[in-house]
C-alpha atoms as a PDB file:
ATOM      1  CA  UNK A   1       5.379   7.012   3.451  1.00  0.00           C
ATOM      2  CA  UNK A   2       5.962   8.345   7.067  1.00  0.00           C
ATOM      3  CA  UNK A   3       3.517   9.899   8.836  1.00  0.00           C
ATOM      4  CA  UNK A   4       1.709  10.644  12.221  1.00  0.00           C
ATOM      5  CA  UNK A   5      -2.143  10.941  13.316  1.00  0.00           C
ATOM      6  CA  UNK A   6      -3.709  11.190  17.075  1.00  0.00           C
ATOM      7  CA  UNK A   7      -7.495  11.276  17.163  1.00  0.00           C
ATOM      8  CA  UNK A   8      -9.016  11.831  20.805  1.00  0.00           C
ATOM      9  CA  UNK A   9     -12.716  10.956  21.778  1.00  0.00           C
ATOM     10  CA  UNK A  10     -15.073  11.451  25.158  1.00  0.00           C
ATOM     11  CA  UNK A  11     -17.704   9.050  25.133  1.00  0.00           C
ATOM     12  CA  UNK A  12     -20.322   8.871  28.538  1.00  0.00           C
ATOM     13  CA  UNK A  13     -18.475   5.417  28.873  1.00  0.00           C
ATOM     14  CA  UNK A  14     -14.676   6.856  29.221  1.00  0.00           C
ATOM     15  CA  UNK A  15     -12.265   8.345  26.540  1.00  0.00           C
ATOM     16  CA  UNK A  16     -10.671   6.847  23.831  1.00  0.00           C
ATOM     17  CA  UNK A  17      -7.100   7.606  22.121  1.00  0.00           C
ATOM     18  CA  UNK A  18      -6.238   5.951  19.155  1.00  0.00           C
ATOM     19  CA  UNK A  19      -2.733   6.946  17.437  1.00  0.00           C
ATOM     20  CA  UNK A  20      -1.364   5.384  14.185  1.00  0.00           C
ATOM     21  CA  UNK A  21       2.229   6.055  13.265  1.00  0.00           C
ATOM     22  CA  UNK A  22       3.688   5.365   9.551  1.00  0.00           C
ATOM     23  CA  UNK A  23       7.362   4.258   8.646  1.00  0.00           C
ATOM     24  CA  UNK A  24       8.323   3.038   5.185  1.00  0.00           C
ATOM     25  CA  UNK A  25       7.907  -0.413   3.980  1.00  0.00           C
ATOM     26  CA  UNK A  26       7.681  -2.700   0.647  1.00  0.00           C
ATOM     27  CA  UNK A  27       4.093  -3.861   1.996  1.00  0.00           C
ATOM     28  CA  UNK A  28       1.490  -3.366   4.346  1.00  0.00           C
ATOM     29  CA  UNK A  29       2.527  -4.481   8.237  1.00  0.00           C
ATOM     30  CA  UNK A  30       0.224  -3.511  11.098  1.00  0.00           C
ATOM     31  CA  UNK A  31       1.299  -3.792  14.827  1.00  0.00           C
ATOM     32  CA  UNK A  32      -1.492  -3.428  17.304  1.00  0.00           C
ATOM     33  CA  UNK A  33      -0.970  -1.931  21.149  1.00  0.00           C
ATOM     34  CA  UNK A  34      -4.377  -2.088  22.722  1.00  0.00           C
ATOM     35  CA  UNK A  35      -5.852  -3.586  25.761  1.00  0.00           C
ATOM     36  CA  UNK A  36      -6.871  -7.203  25.885  1.00  0.00           C
ATOM     37  CA  UNK A  37     -10.776  -6.472  26.168  1.00  0.00           C
ATOM     38  CA  UNK A  38     -10.890  -4.624  22.714  1.00  0.00           C
ATOM     39  CA  UNK A  39      -8.798  -7.515  20.996  1.00  0.00           C
ATOM     40  CA  UNK A  40     -12.154  -8.404  19.404  1.00  0.00           C
ATOM     41  CA  UNK A  41     -12.068  -5.200  17.494  1.00  0.00           C
ATOM     42  CA  UNK A  42      -8.575  -5.919  15.667  1.00  0.00           C
ATOM     43  CA  UNK A  43      -9.756  -7.206  12.363  1.00  0.00           C
ATOM     44  CA  UNK A  44     -12.451  -4.258  12.065  1.00  0.00           C
ATOM     45  CA  UNK A  45      -9.848  -1.578  12.912  1.00  0.00           C
ATOM     46  CA  UNK A  46      -7.408  -3.736   9.866  1.00  0.00           C
ATOM     47  CA  UNK A  47     -10.141  -3.398   7.768  1.00  0.00           C
ATOM     48  CA  UNK A  48     -10.596   0.758   7.921  1.00  0.00           C
ATOM     49  CA  UNK A  49      -6.578   1.039   7.783  1.00  0.00           C
ATOM     50  CA  UNK A  50      -6.667  -1.441   4.465  1.00  0.00           C
ATOM     51  CA  UNK A  51      -9.134   1.133   3.120  1.00  0.00           C
ATOM     52  CA  UNK A  52      -6.634   3.898   3.237  1.00  0.00           C
ATOM     53  CA  UNK A  53      -3.498   2.518   2.962  1.00  0.00           C
ATOM     54  CA  UNK A  54      -1.533  -0.139   0.765  1.00  0.00           C
ATOM     55  CA  UNK A  55       2.037   0.142   1.736  1.00  0.00           C
ATOM     56  CA  UNK A  56       3.307   1.409   5.561  1.00  0.00           C
ATOM     57  CA  UNK A  57       4.552  -0.069   8.616  1.00  0.00           C
ATOM     58  CA  UNK A  58       1.828   0.810  10.890  1.00  0.00           C
ATOM     59  CA  UNK A  59       1.838   0.981  14.526  1.00  0.00           C
ATOM     60  CA  UNK A  60      -1.417   1.433  15.689  1.00  0.00           C
ATOM     61  CA  UNK A  61      -1.999   2.248  19.612  1.00  0.00           C
ATOM     62  CA  UNK A  62      -5.647   2.593  20.786  1.00  0.00           C
ATOM     63  CA  UNK A  63      -6.344   3.486  24.959  1.00  0.00           C
ATOM     64  CA  UNK A  64      -9.650   3.019  26.378  1.00  0.00           C
ATOM     65  CA  UNK A  65     -10.235   4.748  29.802  1.00  0.00           C
ATOM     66  CA  UNK A  66     -13.387   3.826  31.284  1.00  0.00           C
ATOM     67  CA  UNK A  67     -15.081   6.198  33.126  1.00  0.00           C
ATOM     68  CA  UNK A  68     -16.323   5.636  36.741  1.00  0.00           C
ATOM     69  CA  UNK A  69     -19.729   4.794  36.982  1.00  0.00           C
ATOM     70  CA  UNK A  70     -22.707   6.014  39.046  1.00  0.00           C
ATOM     71  CA  UNK A  71     -22.921   4.995  42.951  1.00  0.00           C
ATOM     72  CA  UNK A  72     -19.169   3.097  42.602  1.00  0.00           C
ATOM     73  CA  UNK A  73     -16.027   3.188  41.117  1.00  0.00           C
ATOM     74  CA  UNK A  74     -15.024   1.028  38.178  1.00  0.00           C
ATOM     75  CA  UNK A  75     -13.338  -1.850  40.171  1.00  0.00           C
ATOM     76  CA  UNK A  76     -13.268  -5.551  38.997  1.00  0.00           C
ATOM     77  CA  UNK A  77     -14.107  -6.521  42.738  1.00  0.00           C
ATOM     78  CA  UNK A  78     -14.190 -10.453  41.609  1.00  0.00           C
ATOM     79  CA  UNK A  79     -10.376  -9.482  40.287  1.00  0.00           C
ATOM     80  CA  UNK A  80      -9.293  -7.968  43.488  1.00  0.00           C
ATOM     81  CA  UNK A  81     -10.464 -10.894  45.592  1.00  0.00           C
ATOM     82  CA  UNK A  82      -8.540 -13.583  43.656  1.00  0.00           C
ATOM     83  CA  UNK A  83      -5.295 -11.467  43.731  1.00  0.00           C
ATOM     84  CA  UNK A  84      -6.096 -11.187  47.234  1.00  0.00           C
ATOM     85  CA  UNK A  85      -6.804 -14.657  48.106  1.00  0.00           C
ATOM     86  CA  UNK A  86      -3.889 -15.481  45.568  1.00  0.00           C
ATOM     87  CA  UNK A  87      -1.511 -13.256  47.715  1.00  0.00           C
ATOM     88  CA  UNK A  88      -2.253 -14.863  50.814  1.00  0.00           C
ATOM     89  CA  UNK A  89      -2.107 -18.889  50.206  1.00  0.00           C
ATOM     90  CA  UNK A  90       1.248 -17.983  48.429  1.00  0.00           C
ATOM     91  CA  UNK A  91       2.405 -16.150  51.552  1.00  0.00           C
ATOM     92  CA  UNK A  92       1.182 -18.811  54.088  1.00  0.00           C
ATOM     93  CA  UNK A  93       2.807 -21.681  51.357  1.00  0.00           C
ATOM     94  CA  UNK A  94       6.202 -20.769  51.236  1.00  0.00           C
ATOM     95  CA  UNK A  95       6.381 -18.713  54.480  1.00  0.00           C
ATOM     96  CA  UNK A  96       6.880 -14.999  53.318  1.00  0.00           C
ATOM     97  CA  UNK A  97       6.182 -12.414  55.840  1.00  0.00           C
ATOM     98  CA  UNK A  98       4.350  -8.967  53.877  1.00  0.00           C
ATOM     99  CA  UNK A  99       1.351  -7.351  52.632  1.00  0.00           C
ATOM    100  CA  UNK A 100      -0.186  -6.856  49.164  1.00  0.00           C
ATOM    101  CA  UNK A 101       0.723  -3.981  47.491  1.00  0.00           C
ATOM    102  CA  UNK A 102      -2.659  -2.132  46.342  1.00  0.00           C
ATOM    103  CA  UNK A 103      -0.872   0.377  43.799  1.00  0.00           C
ATOM    104  CA  UNK A 104       0.597  -2.941  42.151  1.00  0.00           C
ATOM    105  CA  UNK A 105      -3.148  -4.863  42.069  1.00  0.00           C
ATOM    106  CA  UNK A 106      -4.986  -1.661  40.732  1.00  0.00           C
ATOM    107  CA  UNK A 107      -2.155  -1.888  38.012  1.00  0.00           C
ATOM    108  CA  UNK A 108      -3.325  -5.305  36.544  1.00  0.00           C
ATOM    109  CA  UNK A 109      -4.891  -5.492  33.277  1.00  0.00           C
ATOM    110  CA  UNK A 110      -8.598  -5.311  34.066  1.00  0.00           C
ATOM    111  CA  UNK A 111      -8.683  -4.603  37.481  1.00  0.00           C
ATOM    112  CA  UNK A 112     -10.009  -1.146  36.897  1.00  0.00           C
ATOM    113  CA  UNK A 113     -12.868  -2.049  34.906  1.00  0.00           C
ATOM    114  CA  UNK A 114     -16.716  -2.460  34.576  1.00  0.00           C
ATOM    115  CA  UNK A 115     -16.993  -5.814  36.409  1.00  0.00           C
ATOM    116  CA  UNK A 116     -19.330  -8.053  34.875  1.00  0.00           C
ATOM    117  CA  UNK A 117     -19.449  -6.358  31.820  1.00  0.00           C
ATOM    118  CA  UNK A 118     -18.751  -8.606  28.652  1.00  0.00           C
ATOM    119  CA  UNK A 119     -17.610  -6.953  25.634  1.00  0.00           C
ATOM    120  CA  UNK A 120     -16.701  -3.390  24.632  1.00  0.00           C
ATOM    121  CA  UNK A 121     -20.010  -2.635  24.034  1.00  0.00           C
ATOM    122  CA  UNK A 122     -21.642  -1.526  20.751  1.00  0.00           C
ATOM    123  CA  UNK A 123     -21.243   2.286  21.402  1.00  0.00           C
ATOM    124  CA  UNK A 124     -17.311   2.001  22.520  1.00  0.00           C
ATOM    125  CA  UNK A 125     -16.520  -0.216  19.177  1.00  0.00           C
ATOM    126  CA  UNK A 126     -18.628   2.251  16.808  1.00  0.00           C
ATOM    127  CA  UNK A 127     -16.317   5.397  18.500  1.00  0.00           C
ATOM    128  CA  UNK A 128     -13.269   3.450  17.960  1.00  0.00           C
ATOM    129  CA  UNK A 129     -13.641   2.342  14.592  1.00  0.00           C
ATOM    130  CA  UNK A 130     -14.712   6.242  13.575  1.00  0.00           C
ATOM    131  CA  UNK A 131     -11.316   7.395  15.080  1.00  0.00           C
ATOM    132  CA  UNK A 132      -9.788   5.086  13.245  1.00  0.00           C
ATOM    133  CA  UNK A 133     -11.536   6.405   9.891  1.00  0.00           C
ATOM    134  CA  UNK A 134     -10.429  10.064  10.954  1.00  0.00           C
ATOM    135  CA  UNK A 135      -6.872   9.088  11.960  1.00  0.00           C
ATOM    136  CA  UNK A 136      -6.279   7.481   8.479  1.00  0.00           C
ATOM    137  CA  UNK A 137      -7.567  10.847   7.079  1.00  0.00           C
ATOM    138  CA  UNK A 138      -5.526  13.016   8.951  1.00  0.00           C
ATOM    139  CA  UNK A 139      -2.299  10.403   8.317  1.00  0.00           C
ATOM    140  CA  UNK A 140      -3.343   9.974   4.257  1.00  0.00           C
ATOM    141  CA  UNK A 141      -2.822  14.129   4.437  1.00  0.00           C
ATOM    142  CA  UNK A 142       0.199  14.255   5.758  1.00  0.00           C
ATOM    143  CA  UNK A 143       1.695  11.493   3.327  1.00  0.00           C
ATOM    144  CA  UNK A 144       0.298  13.262   0.500  1.00  0.00           C
ATOM    145  CA  UNK A 145       2.192  16.336   1.585  1.00  0.00           C
ATOM    146  CA  UNK A 146       5.253  14.357   1.604  1.00  0.00           C
ATOM    147  CA  UNK A 147       4.612  12.151  -1.245  1.00  0.00           C
ATOM    148  CA  UNK A 148       4.507  15.497  -3.436  1.00  0.00           C
ATOM    149  CA  UNK A 149       7.816  16.437  -2.674  1.00  0.00           C
ATOM    150  CA  UNK A 150       9.057  13.250  -2.797  1.00  0.00           C
ATOM    151  CA  UNK A 151       7.259  13.169  -6.344  1.00  0.00           C
ATOM    152  CA  UNK A 152       9.010  16.659  -7.872  1.00  0.00           C
ATOM    153  CA  UNK A 153      12.263  15.218  -6.855  1.00  0.00           C
ATOM    154  CA  UNK A 154      11.972  11.754  -8.860  1.00  0.00           C
ATOM    155  CA  UNK A 155      10.505  14.215 -11.826  1.00  0.00           C
ATOM    156  CA  UNK A 156      13.832  15.951 -11.659  1.00  0.00           C
ATOM    157  CA  UNK A 157      16.201  13.090 -11.687  1.00  0.00           C
ATOM    158  CA  UNK A 158      13.926  11.925 -14.477  1.00  0.00           C
ATOM    159  CA  UNK A 159      14.944  15.099 -16.368  1.00  0.00           C
ATOM    160  CA  UNK A 160      18.492  14.401 -15.355  1.00  0.00           C
ATOM    161  CA  UNK A 161      18.143  11.105 -17.435  1.00  0.00           C
ATOM    162  CA  UNK A 162      16.560  12.438 -20.323  1.00  0.00           C
ATOM    163  CA  UNK A 163      19.493  14.562 -20.778  1.00  0.00           C
ATOM    164  CA  UNK A 164      22.305  12.096 -20.327  1.00  0.00           C
ATOM    165  CA  UNK A 165      20.243   9.800 -23.099  1.00  0.00           C
ATOM    166  CA  UNK A 166      20.415  12.770 -25.046  1.00  0.00           C
ATOM    167  CA  UNK A 167      24.097  13.575 -24.820  1.00  0.00           C
ATOM    168  CA  UNK A 168      25.036   9.736 -25.140  1.00  0.00           C
ATOM    169  CA  UNK A 169      22.716   9.774 -28.650  1.00  0.00           C
ATOM    170  CA  UNK A 170      24.857  12.891 -29.628  1.00  0.00           C
ATOM    171  CA  UNK A 171      27.934  10.928 -29.412  1.00  0.00           C
ATOM    172  CA  UNK A 172      26.737   7.707 -30.847  1.00  0.00           C
ATOM    173  CA  UNK A 173      25.743   9.774 -33.618  1.00  0.00           C
ATOM    174  CA  UNK A 174      29.651  10.153 -34.468  1.00  0.00           C
ATOM    175  CA  UNK A 175      30.502   6.934 -33.931  1.00  0.00           C
ATOM    176  CA  UNK A 176      31.068   5.385 -37.098  1.00  0.00           C
ATOM    177  CA  UNK A 177      33.613   8.279 -38.121  1.00  0.00           C
ATOM    178  CA  UNK A 178      35.712   7.674 -35.249  1.00  0.00           C
ATOM    179  CA  UNK A 179      35.636   3.982 -35.357  1.00  0.00           C
ATOM    180  CA  UNK A 180      36.479   4.348 -39.318  1.00  0.00           C
ATOM    181  CA  UNK A 181      39.851   6.221 -38.230  1.00  0.00           C
ATOM    182  CA  UNK A 182      40.124   4.222 -35.112  1.00  0.00           C
ATOM    183  CA  UNK A 183      40.355   1.155 -37.231  1.00  0.00           C
ATOM    184  CA  UNK A 184      42.480   2.710 -39.867  1.00  0.00           C
ATOM    185  CA  UNK A 185      45.175   3.782 -37.126  1.00  0.00           C
ATOM    186  CA  UNK A 186      45.465   0.405 -35.748  1.00  0.00           C
ATOM    187  CA  UNK A 187      45.449  -1.624 -39.623  1.00  0.00           C
ATOM    188  CA  UNK A 188      48.691   1.207 -40.549  1.00  0.00           C
ATOM    189  CA  UNK A 189      50.316  -0.009 -37.826  1.00  0.00           C
ATOM    190  CA  UNK A 190      49.693  -3.427 -38.598  1.00  0.00           C
ATOM    191  CA  UNK A 191      50.284  -3.480 -42.029  1.00  0.00           C
ATOM    192  CA  UNK A 192      53.083  -0.726 -41.698  1.00  0.00           C
ATOM    193  CA  UNK A 193      52.021   1.199 -44.892  1.00  0.00           C
ATOM    194  CA  UNK A 194      50.200  -1.938 -47.390  1.00  0.00           C
ATOM    195  CA  UNK A 195      47.620  -0.483 -49.257  1.00  0.00           C
ATOM    196  CA  UNK A 196      43.961  -0.341 -47.327  1.00  0.00           C
ATOM    197  CA  UNK A 197      40.457  -1.172 -49.419  1.00  0.00           C
ATOM    198  CA  UNK A 198      38.232   1.562 -48.623  1.00  0.00           C
ATOM    199  CA  UNK A 199      35.292  -0.901 -48.850  1.00  0.00           C
ATOM    200  CA  UNK A 200      36.519  -3.146 -46.624  1.00  0.00           C
ATOM    201  CA  UNK A 201      37.794  -0.497 -43.990  1.00  0.00           C
ATOM    202  CA  UNK A 202      33.981   0.690 -44.058  1.00  0.00           C
ATOM    203  CA  UNK A 203      32.603  -2.663 -43.666  1.00  0.00           C
ATOM    204  CA  UNK A 204      34.755  -3.274 -40.623  1.00  0.00           C
ATOM    205  CA  UNK A 205      33.964   0.030 -39.310  1.00  0.00           C
ATOM    206  CA  UNK A 206      30.716  -0.897 -39.634  1.00  0.00           C
ATOM    207  CA  UNK A 207      31.036  -4.118 -38.188  1.00  0.00           C
ATOM    208  CA  UNK A 208      32.518  -2.904 -35.185  1.00  0.00           C
ATOM    209  CA  UNK A 209      29.989  -0.431 -34.699  1.00  0.00           C
ATOM    210  CA  UNK A 210      27.075  -2.766 -35.073  1.00  0.00           C
ATOM    211  CA  UNK A 211      28.331  -4.729 -32.466  1.00  0.00           C
ATOM    212  CA  UNK A 212      28.960  -1.286 -30.026  1.00  0.00           C
ATOM    213  CA  UNK A 213      25.314   0.383 -31.379  1.00  0.00           C
ATOM    214  CA  UNK A 214      24.028   1.244 -28.244  1.00  0.00           C
ATOM    215  CA  UNK A 215      20.713   2.883 -30.043  1.00  0.00           C
ATOM    216  CA  UNK A 216      18.047   0.392 -28.774  1.00  0.00           C
ATOM    217  CA  UNK A 217      18.884   0.661 -25.446  1.00  0.00           C
ATOM    218  CA  UNK A 218      18.849   4.642 -25.012  1.00  0.00           C
ATOM    219  CA  UNK A 219      15.498   4.533 -26.938  1.00  0.00           C
ATOM    220  CA  UNK A 220      14.248   2.071 -24.196  1.00  0.00           C
ATOM    221  CA  UNK A 221      15.885   4.145 -21.439  1.00  0.00           C
ATOM    222  CA  UNK A 222      14.259   7.255 -22.076  1.00  0.00           C
ATOM    223  CA  UNK A 223      11.279   5.764 -22.947  1.00  0.00           C
ATOM    224  CA  UNK A 224      10.951   3.958 -19.378  1.00  0.00           C
ATOM    225  CA  UNK A 225      12.654   7.559 -17.633  1.00  0.00           C
ATOM    226  CA  UNK A 226       8.758   9.261 -19.536  1.00  0.00           C
ATOM    227  CA  UNK A 227       6.553   6.398 -18.347  1.00  0.00           C
ATOM    228  CA  UNK A 228       8.329   6.948 -15.036  1.00  0.00           C
ATOM    229  CA  UNK A 229       7.729  10.910 -15.250  1.00  0.00           C
ATOM    230  CA  UNK A 230       3.997  10.249 -16.348  1.00  0.00           C
ATOM    231  CA  UNK A 231       3.353   7.698 -13.710  1.00  0.00           C
ATOM    232  CA  UNK A 232       4.376  10.588 -10.915  1.00  0.00           C
ATOM    233  CA  UNK A 233       1.911  13.282 -12.819  1.00  0.00           C
ATOM    234  CA  UNK A 234      -0.861  11.134 -12.440  1.00  0.00           C
ATOM    235  CA  UNK A 235      -0.234  10.397  -8.742  1.00  0.00           C
ATOM    236  CA  UNK A 236      -2.174   7.453  -7.529  1.00  0.00           C
ATOM    237  CA  UNK A 237      -0.530   4.138  -6.407  1.00  0.00           C
ATOM    238  CA  UNK A 238       2.690   4.313  -8.111  1.00  0.00           C
ATOM    239  CA  UNK A 239       4.929   1.948  -5.729  1.00  0.00           C
ATOM    240  CA  UNK A 240       5.196  -0.879  -6.541  1.00  0.00           C
ATOM    241  CA  UNK A 241       4.883  -0.323 -10.764  1.00  0.00           C
ATOM    242  CA  UNK A 242       8.280   1.760 -10.223  1.00  0.00           C
ATOM    243  CA  UNK A 243      10.073  -1.691  -8.930  1.00  0.00           C
ATOM    244  CA  UNK A 244       9.388  -2.907 -12.536  1.00  0.00           C
ATOM    245  CA  UNK A 245      10.694   0.253 -14.644  1.00  0.00           C
ATOM    246  CA  UNK A 246      13.309   1.027 -12.399  1.00  0.00           C
ATOM    247  CA  UNK A 247      14.872  -2.871 -12.782  1.00  0.00           C
ATOM    248  CA  UNK A 248      14.083  -2.282 -16.601  1.00  0.00           C
ATOM    249  CA  UNK A 249      16.119   1.077 -16.535  1.00  0.00           C
ATOM    250  CA  UNK A 250      18.929  -0.076 -14.604  1.00  0.00           C
ATOM    251  CA  UNK A 251      19.255  -3.284 -17.210  1.00  0.00           C
ATOM    252  CA  UNK A 252      19.450  -0.906 -19.895  1.00  0.00           C
ATOM    253  CA  UNK A 253      22.091   1.370 -18.596  1.00  0.00           C
ATOM    254  CA  UNK A 254      24.183  -2.037 -17.537  1.00  0.00           C
ATOM    255  CA  UNK A 255      24.081  -3.133 -21.180  1.00  0.00           C
ATOM    256  CA  UNK A 256      25.303   0.166 -22.420  1.00  0.00           C
ATOM    257  CA  UNK A 257      28.204   0.091 -20.127  1.00  0.00           C
ATOM    258  CA  UNK A 258      28.897  -3.624 -21.013  1.00  0.00           C
ATOM    259  CA  UNK A 259      28.896  -2.425 -24.909  1.00  0.00           C
ATOM    260  CA  UNK A 260      31.396   0.557 -24.336  1.00  0.00           C
ATOM    261  CA  UNK A 261      34.068  -0.421 -22.564  1.00  0.00           C
ATOM    262  CA  UNK A 262      36.330  -1.077 -24.923  1.00  0.00           C
ATOM    263  CA  UNK A 263      35.949   2.012 -27.416  1.00  0.00           C
ATOM    264  CA  UNK A 264      38.658   4.222 -26.084  1.00  0.00           C
ATOM    265  CA  UNK A 265      37.869   8.607 -25.702  1.00  0.00           C
ATOM    266  CA  UNK A 266      34.575   8.077 -27.305  1.00  0.00           C
ATOM    267  CA  UNK A 267      33.807   5.106 -24.927  1.00  0.00           C
ATOM    268  CA  UNK A 268      35.185   6.353 -21.845  1.00  0.00           C
ATOM    269  CA  UNK A 269      33.017   9.817 -22.635  1.00  0.00           C
ATOM    270  CA  UNK A 270      29.763   7.102 -22.906  1.00  0.00           C
ATOM    271  CA  UNK A 271      30.604   5.263 -19.865  1.00  0.00           C
ATOM    272  CA  UNK A 272      30.737   8.157 -17.602  1.00  0.00           C
ATOM    273  CA  UNK A 273      27.538   9.515 -18.845  1.00  0.00           C
ATOM    274  CA  UNK A 274      26.091   5.822 -18.668  1.00  0.00           C
ATOM    275  CA  UNK A 275      27.459   5.737 -14.962  1.00  0.00           C
ATOM    276  CA  UNK A 276      25.735   9.259 -13.924  1.00  0.00           C
ATOM    277  CA  UNK A 277      22.585   7.526 -15.155  1.00  0.00           C
ATOM    278  CA  UNK A 278      22.917   4.659 -13.104  1.00  0.00           C
ATOM    279  CA  UNK A 279      23.086   6.797 -10.260  1.00  0.00           C
ATOM    280  CA  UNK A 280      19.983   8.833 -10.954  1.00  0.00           C
ATOM    281  CA  UNK A 281      18.696   5.269 -10.957  1.00  0.00           C
ATOM    282  CA  UNK A 282      19.431   4.080  -7.762  1.00  0.00           C
ATOM    283  CA  UNK A 283      18.835   7.658  -6.064  1.00  0.00           C
ATOM    284  CA  UNK A 284      15.373   6.990  -7.756  1.00  0.00           C
ATOM    285  CA  UNK A 285      14.967   3.715  -6.385  1.00  0.00           C
ATOM    286  CA  UNK A 286      16.102   4.574  -2.899  1.00  0.00           C
ATOM    287  CA  UNK A 287      13.236   7.213  -3.225  1.00  0.00           C
ATOM    288  CA  UNK A 288      10.714   5.376  -4.399  1.00  0.00           C
ATOM    289  CA  UNK A 289       9.929   3.134  -1.509  1.00  0.00           C
ATOM    290  CA  UNK A 290       8.689   6.150   0.642  1.00  0.00           C
ATOM    291  CA  UNK A 291       5.732   6.080  -2.271  1.00  0.00           C
ATOM    292  CA  UNK A 292       2.650   4.185  -2.037  1.00  0.00           C
END
């Protein structure tokens, strides 16, 4: 599911801004955008996120702006000295006239930081992990609201499938008499008035009905739809379990279509209903990608 969260924290050492944006994805895919000095915290931030999210493509942005230290600016003089020496050496070696641009130098990564400090510091690391936890709570609240709306829509589509299955079962209940009439008409055309044994007619009609019987497929299709509806009502992580049920529901619908292809008007009606059921299943599949 989609969502966005942003957390800002002010510390004596500076300011932290952490944001998380999520979009739909079959698995959990995290991409980090943060200063190199925070790379050591990536695994810990990942662990915080994994405790809250199971699916989604997440963009995590972390910005750390350090405060000026007492008695001086947070300038990395050693890095600036190296930059200036390299500039003048290159200018002399290639006979290029010019002076270094201080604005360009100050934008270099690590130029405006506490020179000589190793690591980000325990206080900053703790604050970043707390910000990640707070961001995930906000993000999940956003995702839960969206998920509730999506689950309601999927439940409505399940009820539509119930109605389609019930209608196909009603039509199937009158199938044998219809098969007998159809078979009698065909035999009359072939035999041109010759006598037809009622017992043989009943046997042939029963055989045709058995080959075209869709009762088991309809029962399984409705059972799967009921399971899906119950999963949505129960909540929790349902996205991956829905994939399996939807595959089974699609398989049953295809079987119904294959068995009713040559049954005349009766078969055409069932085919239209089965196609409508497949359409609902496809729409559920599309929306299921939004659920965790």
